Every structure is written in C-alpha cells, then in structure tokens.
Amino acid sequence: MLVPEVGGQDFQAALEVDHVRGVLAGQGGEALGGRDLLEAELRAFEGLGFDDIELDAALAFVLRFVESVARTTLDAQAAVRDSAMSDEQWWAANEPLLARVFDPARYPLAARVGSAAGQAHQGTHNADHAFDFGLQLVLSGLAHRGDPTARDRG
C-alpha cells in the first residue's frame, strides 16, 4: 500500500493529528482540519464501482466502525483505570457470583460460544481479534457490494 505524504508530514503523523480532531469533533461530525486525509480515504474506495453517494456512505460506514472500536477501547481503559482492576482481575473476583447466577442449561449457546471464545483468546475478549475480524468482514462486504457483477447476483 502506498503511504501518502499529507501536508508535509508522513501519513502516520497526519493520521494521529486528524484522529484527535475527529474524536473531538464528536459522533456524526466531520473531522476538523485539512482535507488531505479525507482525500486519501476516499481514494481507497475509488474504482470499486460505487457512485459518489455510495462512496461517501461506504467511507462513513468504515469510519464509524473504527470509531466504535476506538471508543470501546477507551471505555475499557477507563474502566481499568477507575476500578484499579484489569479485566482478568475483575472476572476472577466476580466468577463465583457469576457461576451462581448464570445457568448454562438455560443459555446453552451463550455458554458454548463464551467458552470457545474464552479458550481461543485465553481471556474474556480479544479486542485485536474482534477488530481484525470485523474490519475484514466490513471490507469484504463493501468490495462485494461495489462489484457490479455482484449487484446482479444480489
């Protein structure tokens, strides 16, 4: 992937500045500041078969996905900071109570999925895995939607 120079800065430095601006702009608001990053983001979708309105919506969808993951990560970090407990410590401290109130026979799917995911991730949640999986799902769905031959197939 080509990494563009943005306003005399390397892409990573520009992204960090625009990320802060974007978070400060709030949900649904356009990022404040230059449009170099926006231009680069839009270019990533160009040529996928979207018209301009769909291209705008596709970019907004990906950005909201990333924003959601970033906010969840910040919330998790705040919870650790506020409780002075890691996620693992909280689960260990509350496991006896949770074992008494959670009935795996009543919720067999949740029990099975939770157990499998917990073993695979060696913990209650793996944010990196969830992000990577979700982003791949989002991008493959958008690529499929942008493919004119896929539109004919549904």
Protein backbone atom coordinates (compact mmCIF):
# COMPACT_ATOMS: atom_id res chain seq x y z
CA MET A 1 0.00 0.00 0.00
CA LEU A 2 1.32 3.42 -0.86
CA VAL A 3 1.50 5.69 2.16
CA PRO A 4 0.86 9.26 1.01
CA GLU A 5 2.62 12.29 2.37
CA VAL A 6 -0.02 14.53 3.93
CA GLY A 7 0.65 18.24 4.30
CA GLY A 8 4.42 17.75 4.60
CA GLN A 9 4.02 15.07 7.31
CA ASP A 10 4.22 11.35 6.97
CA PHE A 11 0.86 9.60 6.90
CA GLN A 12 1.10 8.20 10.45
CA ALA A 13 1.82 11.63 11.97
CA ALA A 14 -1.03 13.20 10.00
CA LEU A 15 -3.37 10.39 10.98
CA GLU A 16 -2.62 10.88 14.68
CA VAL A 17 -3.37 14.60 14.43
CA ASP A 18 -6.56 14.07 12.43
CA HIS A 19 -7.61 11.22 14.76
CA VAL A 20 -7.59 13.58 17.73
CA ARG A 21 -9.50 16.18 15.74
CA GLY A 22 -12.01 13.56 14.62
CA VAL A 23 -12.68 12.32 18.14
CA LEU A 24 -13.05 15.90 19.39
CA ALA A 25 -15.47 16.70 16.56
CA GLY A 26 -17.83 14.10 18.01
CA GLN A 27 -20.07 11.49 16.57
CA GLY A 28 -21.55 12.31 13.21
CA GLY A 29 -19.42 15.41 12.78
CA GLU A 30 -16.84 15.85 10.09
CA ALA A 31 -13.27 15.91 11.26
CA LEU A 32 -11.96 19.42 11.59
CA GLY A 33 -8.84 20.49 9.80
CA GLY A 34 -7.34 19.71 6.40
CA ARG A 35 -8.84 17.51 3.75
CA ASP A 36 -5.69 15.58 2.80
CA LEU A 37 -6.69 12.59 4.91
CA LEU A 38 -10.26 12.67 3.57
CA GLU A 39 -8.93 12.68 0.02
CA ALA A 40 -6.70 9.67 0.77
CA GLU A 41 -9.58 7.83 2.46
CA LEU A 42 -11.92 8.43 -0.48
CA ARG A 43 -9.23 7.29 -2.93
CA ALA A 44 -9.13 3.93 -1.14
CA PHE A 45 -12.71 3.30 -2.32
CA GLU A 46 -12.35 4.77 -5.80
CA GLY A 47 -12.59 2.19 -8.54
CA LEU A 48 -14.75 -0.22 -6.53
CA GLY A 49 -17.86 0.58 -8.55
CA PHE A 50 -19.58 2.93 -6.10
CA ASP A 51 -21.23 6.11 -7.27
CA ASP A 52 -20.27 9.23 -5.30
CA ILE A 53 -23.14 8.93 -2.80
CA GLU A 54 -22.35 5.24 -2.15
CA LEU A 55 -18.64 6.05 -1.87
CA ASP A 56 -19.39 8.64 0.81
CA ALA A 57 -21.62 6.17 2.67
CA ALA A 58 -19.05 3.36 2.42
CA LEU A 59 -16.33 5.57 3.87
CA ALA A 60 -18.64 6.79 6.64
CA PHE A 61 -19.52 3.18 7.48
CA VAL A 62 -15.86 2.13 7.81
CA LEU A 63 -15.01 5.24 9.84
CA ARG A 64 -17.95 4.63 12.23
CA PHE A 65 -16.80 1.02 12.66
CA VAL A 66 -13.29 2.16 13.53
CA GLU A 67 -14.66 4.92 15.78
CA SER A 68 -16.81 2.40 17.63
CA VAL A 69 -13.83 0.13 18.27
CA ALA A 70 -11.74 3.11 19.42
CA ARG A 71 -14.45 4.25 21.83
CA THR A 72 -14.86 0.72 23.22
CA THR A 73 -11.10 0.52 23.74
CA LEU A 74 -11.06 3.89 25.52
CA ASP A 75 -14.01 2.81 27.69
CA ALA A 76 -12.22 -0.42 28.65
CA GLN A 77 -9.06 1.52 29.53
CA ALA A 78 -11.11 3.93 31.64
CA ALA A 79 -12.79 1.03 33.45
CA VAL A 80 -9.39 -0.45 34.35
CA ARG A 81 -8.14 2.95 35.47
CA ASP A 82 -11.29 3.72 37.50
CA SER A 83 -11.56 0.31 39.16
CA ALA A 84 -7.81 -0.29 39.56
CA MET A 85 -8.51 -3.82 38.24
CA SER A 86 -7.68 -5.40 34.92
CA ASP A 87 -10.42 -7.18 33.03
CA GLU A 88 -8.92 -10.53 34.07
CA GLN A 89 -8.82 -9.47 37.75
CA TRP A 90 -12.46 -8.35 37.62
CA TRP A 91 -13.60 -11.65 36.12
CA ALA A 92 -11.58 -13.65 38.65
CA ALA A 93 -13.06 -11.65 41.54
CA ASN A 94 -16.63 -11.98 40.24
CA GLU A 95 -16.50 -15.52 38.87
CA PRO A 96 -18.04 -17.17 41.97
CA LEU A 97 -21.08 -14.87 41.84
CA LEU A 98 -21.44 -15.21 38.08
CA ALA A 99 -21.25 -19.01 38.34
CA ARG A 100 -24.21 -18.94 40.74
CA VAL A 101 -26.44 -16.72 38.59
CA PHE A 102 -25.56 -17.98 35.09
CA ASP A 103 -27.34 -21.19 34.11
CA PRO A 104 -25.58 -22.80 31.13
CA ALA A 105 -28.55 -25.15 30.62
CA ARG A 106 -30.82 -22.14 30.11
CA TYR A 107 -28.33 -20.35 27.84
CA PRO A 108 -26.51 -23.17 26.03
CA LEU A 109 -25.48 -21.13 23.00
CA ALA A 110 -24.02 -18.34 25.13
CA ALA A 111 -22.23 -20.91 27.29
CA ARG A 112 -20.77 -22.73 24.28
CA VAL A 113 -19.70 -19.59 22.40
CA GLY A 114 -18.33 -17.92 25.53
CA SER A 115 -16.31 -20.99 26.42
CA ALA A 116 -14.90 -21.42 22.91
CA ALA A 117 -14.00 -17.73 22.57
CA GLY A 118 -12.52 -17.62 26.07
CA GLN A 119 -10.29 -20.59 25.34
CA ALA A 120 -9.26 -19.29 21.91
CA HIS A 121 -8.39 -15.84 23.25
CA GLN A 122 -7.17 -17.01 26.65
CA GLY A 123 -9.43 -14.40 28.19
CA THR A 124 -12.86 -12.89 28.04
CA HIS A 125 -12.27 -10.77 24.96
CA ASN A 126 -9.59 -10.11 22.38
CA ALA A 127 -10.07 -6.61 21.03
CA ASP A 128 -7.45 -7.04 18.30
CA HIS A 129 -9.11 -10.20 17.00
CA ALA A 130 -12.57 -8.61 17.10
CA PHE A 131 -11.30 -5.55 15.23
CA ASP A 132 -9.40 -7.57 12.60
CA PHE A 133 -12.34 -9.93 12.03
CA GLY A 134 -14.87 -7.10 11.89
CA LEU A 135 -12.78 -4.96 9.57
CA GLN A 136 -12.21 -7.87 7.17
CA LEU A 137 -15.94 -8.59 7.21
CA VAL A 138 -16.78 -4.93 6.56
CA LEU A 139 -14.23 -4.56 3.77
CA SER A 140 -15.15 -7.82 2.03
CA GLY A 141 -18.82 -6.85 2.20
CA LEU A 142 -18.09 -3.45 0.70
CA ALA A 143 -15.91 -4.98 -2.02
CA HIS A 144 -18.74 -7.40 -2.84
CA ARG A 145 -21.30 -4.57 -2.86
CA GLY A 146 -19.08 -2.40 -5.04
CA ASP A 147 -18.61 -5.19 -7.60
CA PRO A 148 -21.12 -4.53 -10.41
CA THR A 149 -21.37 -8.28 -11.18
CA ALA A 150 -22.19 -8.97 -7.51
CA ARG A 151 -25.04 -6.45 -7.63
CA ASP A 152 -26.72 -8.58 -10.28
CA ARG A 153 -26.40 -11.66 -8.03
CA GLY A 154 -27.88 -9.85 -5.01
